[in-house]
Amino acid sequence: MTAAPAGIAAEQAILRQNVALSVIKQSADQAQALVQILDDAARSAPVSRTRGTNINTSA
C-alpha cells in the first residue's frame, strides 16, 4: 500500500519541477523582451554630431 503514495509523491515532485522550470523560462523570456525593447530604443535614437567628439583622456 506504500507504492501508491510514493507514486503520487513522485508525480508531485515532477509537477513542482515543471512549474519551477516554467517560471524560470518565463522570467528569462521577459528579460529577453526587455533587452530587445532597450536595444531597439537605443538603435532608434538620433545620432549626435557633437556627443563623443570631445574626449577627456586625462580623466
N, C-alpha and C. Protein backbone atom coordinates (compact mmCIF):
# COMPACT_ATOMS: atom_id res chain seq x y z
N MET A 1 0.81 -1.20 0.00
CA MET A 1 0.00 0.00 0.00
C MET A 1 0.86 1.26 0.00
N THR A 2 2.18 1.15 0.13
CA THR A 2 3.01 2.35 0.12
C THR A 2 3.42 2.74 -1.29
N ALA A 3 3.16 1.89 -2.26
CA ALA A 3 3.56 2.21 -3.63
C ALA A 3 2.74 3.37 -4.19
N ALA A 4 1.45 3.42 -3.88
CA ALA A 4 0.60 4.49 -4.40
C ALA A 4 1.03 5.85 -3.85
N PRO A 5 1.22 6.02 -2.56
CA PRO A 5 1.67 7.33 -2.08
C PRO A 5 3.05 7.71 -2.62
N ALA A 6 3.93 6.74 -2.79
CA ALA A 6 5.25 7.04 -3.35
C ALA A 6 5.11 7.50 -4.80
N GLY A 7 4.22 6.87 -5.54
CA GLY A 7 3.97 7.28 -6.92
C GLY A 7 3.38 8.67 -7.00
N ILE A 8 2.46 8.96 -6.09
CA ILE A 8 1.85 10.29 -6.06
C ILE A 8 2.90 11.33 -5.68
N ALA A 9 3.75 11.00 -4.72
CA ALA A 9 4.81 11.93 -4.32
C ALA A 9 5.76 12.20 -5.48
N ALA A 10 6.07 11.16 -6.25
CA ALA A 10 6.96 11.34 -7.40
C ALA A 10 6.31 12.23 -8.45
N GLU A 11 5.04 12.02 -8.70
CA GLU A 11 4.32 12.86 -9.67
C GLU A 11 4.25 14.31 -9.20
N GLN A 12 4.06 14.51 -7.90
CA GLN A 12 4.02 15.86 -7.36
C GLN A 12 5.39 16.54 -7.49
N ALA A 13 6.44 15.78 -7.26
CA ALA A 13 7.78 16.35 -7.40
C ALA A 13 8.06 16.75 -8.84
N ILE A 14 7.65 15.91 -9.77
CA ILE A 14 7.83 16.23 -11.19
C ILE A 14 7.01 17.46 -11.56
N LEU A 15 5.77 17.54 -11.04
CA LEU A 15 4.93 18.70 -11.32
C LEU A 15 5.56 19.97 -10.77
N ARG A 16 6.08 19.91 -9.54
CA ARG A 16 6.73 21.09 -8.95
C ARG A 16 7.95 21.50 -9.78
N GLN A 17 8.70 20.53 -10.23
CA GLN A 17 9.88 20.83 -11.04
C GLN A 17 9.47 21.47 -12.36
N ASN A 18 8.43 20.96 -12.98
CA ASN A 18 7.97 21.53 -14.24
C ASN A 18 7.47 22.96 -14.06
N VAL A 19 6.77 23.21 -12.95
CA VAL A 19 6.29 24.57 -12.68
C VAL A 19 7.47 25.51 -12.46
N ALA A 20 8.46 25.05 -11.69
CA ALA A 20 9.64 25.89 -11.43
C ALA A 20 10.38 26.20 -12.73
N LEU A 21 10.55 25.21 -13.58
CA LEU A 21 11.23 25.44 -14.86
C LEU A 21 10.43 26.38 -15.74
N SER A 22 9.12 26.27 -15.69
CA SER A 22 8.26 27.15 -16.48
C SER A 22 8.40 28.59 -16.01
N VAL A 23 8.45 28.79 -14.69
CA VAL A 23 8.60 30.13 -14.14
C VAL A 23 9.96 30.71 -14.54
N ILE A 24 11.00 29.90 -14.47
CA ILE A 24 12.34 30.36 -14.85
C ILE A 24 12.37 30.73 -16.33
N LYS A 25 11.75 29.91 -17.17
CA LYS A 25 11.73 30.20 -18.61
C LYS A 25 10.94 31.48 -18.89
N GLN A 26 9.82 31.65 -18.21
CA GLN A 26 9.02 32.85 -18.41
C GLN A 26 9.80 34.09 -17.99
N SER A 27 10.51 34.00 -16.90
CA SER A 27 11.32 35.12 -16.43
C SER A 27 12.42 35.45 -17.43
N ALA A 28 13.06 34.43 -17.97
CA ALA A 28 14.11 34.65 -18.96
C ALA A 28 13.53 35.26 -20.24
N ASP A 29 12.35 34.81 -20.64
CA ASP A 29 11.71 35.37 -21.83
C ASP A 29 11.37 36.84 -21.63
N GLN A 30 10.89 37.18 -20.42
CA GLN A 30 10.57 38.58 -20.13
C GLN A 30 11.82 39.44 -20.12
N ALA A 31 12.90 38.90 -19.57
CA ALA A 31 14.16 39.65 -19.56
C ALA A 31 14.66 39.87 -20.98
N GLN A 32 14.54 38.86 -21.82
CA GLN A 32 14.98 38.99 -23.21
C GLN A 32 14.12 40.01 -23.95
N ALA A 33 12.83 40.03 -23.67
CA ALA A 33 11.95 41.01 -24.30
C ALA A 33 12.32 42.43 -23.87
N LEU A 34 12.66 42.60 -22.60
CA LEU A 34 13.09 43.91 -22.12
C LEU A 34 14.39 44.34 -22.78
N VAL A 35 15.32 43.43 -22.92
CA VAL A 35 16.58 43.74 -23.60
C VAL A 35 16.31 44.15 -25.04
N GLN A 36 15.40 43.46 -25.69
CA GLN A 36 15.08 43.80 -27.09
C GLN A 36 14.47 45.20 -27.18
N ILE A 37 13.60 45.53 -26.23
CA ILE A 37 12.98 46.87 -26.22
C ILE A 37 14.06 47.94 -26.03
N LEU A 38 14.95 47.72 -25.07
CA LEU A 38 16.02 48.69 -24.83
C LEU A 38 16.96 48.80 -26.02
N ASP A 39 17.27 47.67 -26.65
CA ASP A 39 18.14 47.68 -27.82
C ASP A 39 17.50 48.45 -28.97
N ASP A 40 16.22 48.21 -29.19
CA ASP A 40 15.51 48.93 -30.26
C ASP A 40 15.49 50.44 -29.98
N ALA A 41 15.25 50.80 -28.72
CA ALA A 41 15.21 52.22 -28.37
C ALA A 41 16.58 52.86 -28.56
N ALA A 42 17.63 52.16 -28.17
CA ALA A 42 18.97 52.72 -28.31
C ALA A 42 19.36 52.86 -29.78
N ARG A 43 18.97 51.91 -30.59
CA ARG A 43 19.33 51.97 -32.01
C ARG A 43 18.51 53.02 -32.77
N SER A 44 17.32 53.34 -32.28
CA SER A 44 16.48 54.31 -32.99
C SER A 44 16.74 55.74 -32.53
N ALA A 45 17.55 55.93 -31.50
CA ALA A 45 17.86 57.28 -31.01
C ALA A 45 18.69 58.01 -32.07
N PRO A 46 18.43 59.29 -32.24
CA PRO A 46 19.21 60.04 -33.22
C PRO A 46 20.68 60.14 -32.80
N VAL A 47 21.54 60.11 -33.78
CA VAL A 47 22.98 60.19 -33.54
C VAL A 47 23.37 61.65 -33.40
N SER A 48 24.10 61.96 -32.35
CA SER A 48 24.54 63.33 -32.11
C SER A 48 25.86 63.57 -32.85
N ARG A 49 25.98 64.74 -33.46
CA ARG A 49 27.23 65.07 -34.17
C ARG A 49 28.31 65.52 -33.20
N THR A 50 27.90 66.01 -32.03
CA THR A 50 28.89 66.54 -31.08
C THR A 50 29.18 65.60 -29.93
N ARG A 51 28.24 64.78 -29.55
CA ARG A 51 28.47 63.89 -28.41
C ARG A 51 29.53 62.85 -28.76
N GLY A 52 30.53 62.75 -27.90
CA GLY A 52 31.57 61.77 -28.11
C GLY A 52 32.77 62.30 -28.87
N THR A 53 32.69 63.54 -29.34
CA THR A 53 33.83 64.08 -30.09
C THR A 53 34.85 64.70 -29.17
N ASN A 54 34.43 65.22 -28.02
CA ASN A 54 35.36 65.76 -27.04
C ASN A 54 35.62 64.70 -25.99
N ILE A 55 36.77 64.11 -26.04
CA ILE A 55 37.12 63.06 -25.09
C ILE A 55 38.23 63.56 -24.19
N ASN A 56 37.97 63.48 -22.89
CA ASN A 56 38.95 63.89 -21.91
C ASN A 56 39.82 62.69 -21.59
N THR A 57 41.00 62.62 -22.16
CA THR A 57 41.87 61.46 -21.96
C THR A 57 42.61 61.51 -20.64
N SER A 58 42.58 62.66 -19.96
CA SER A 58 43.27 62.75 -18.67
C SER A 58 42.39 62.28 -17.52
N ALA A 59 41.15 62.00 -17.77
CA ALA A 59 40.24 61.57 -16.71
C ALA A 59 40.56 60.18 -16.23
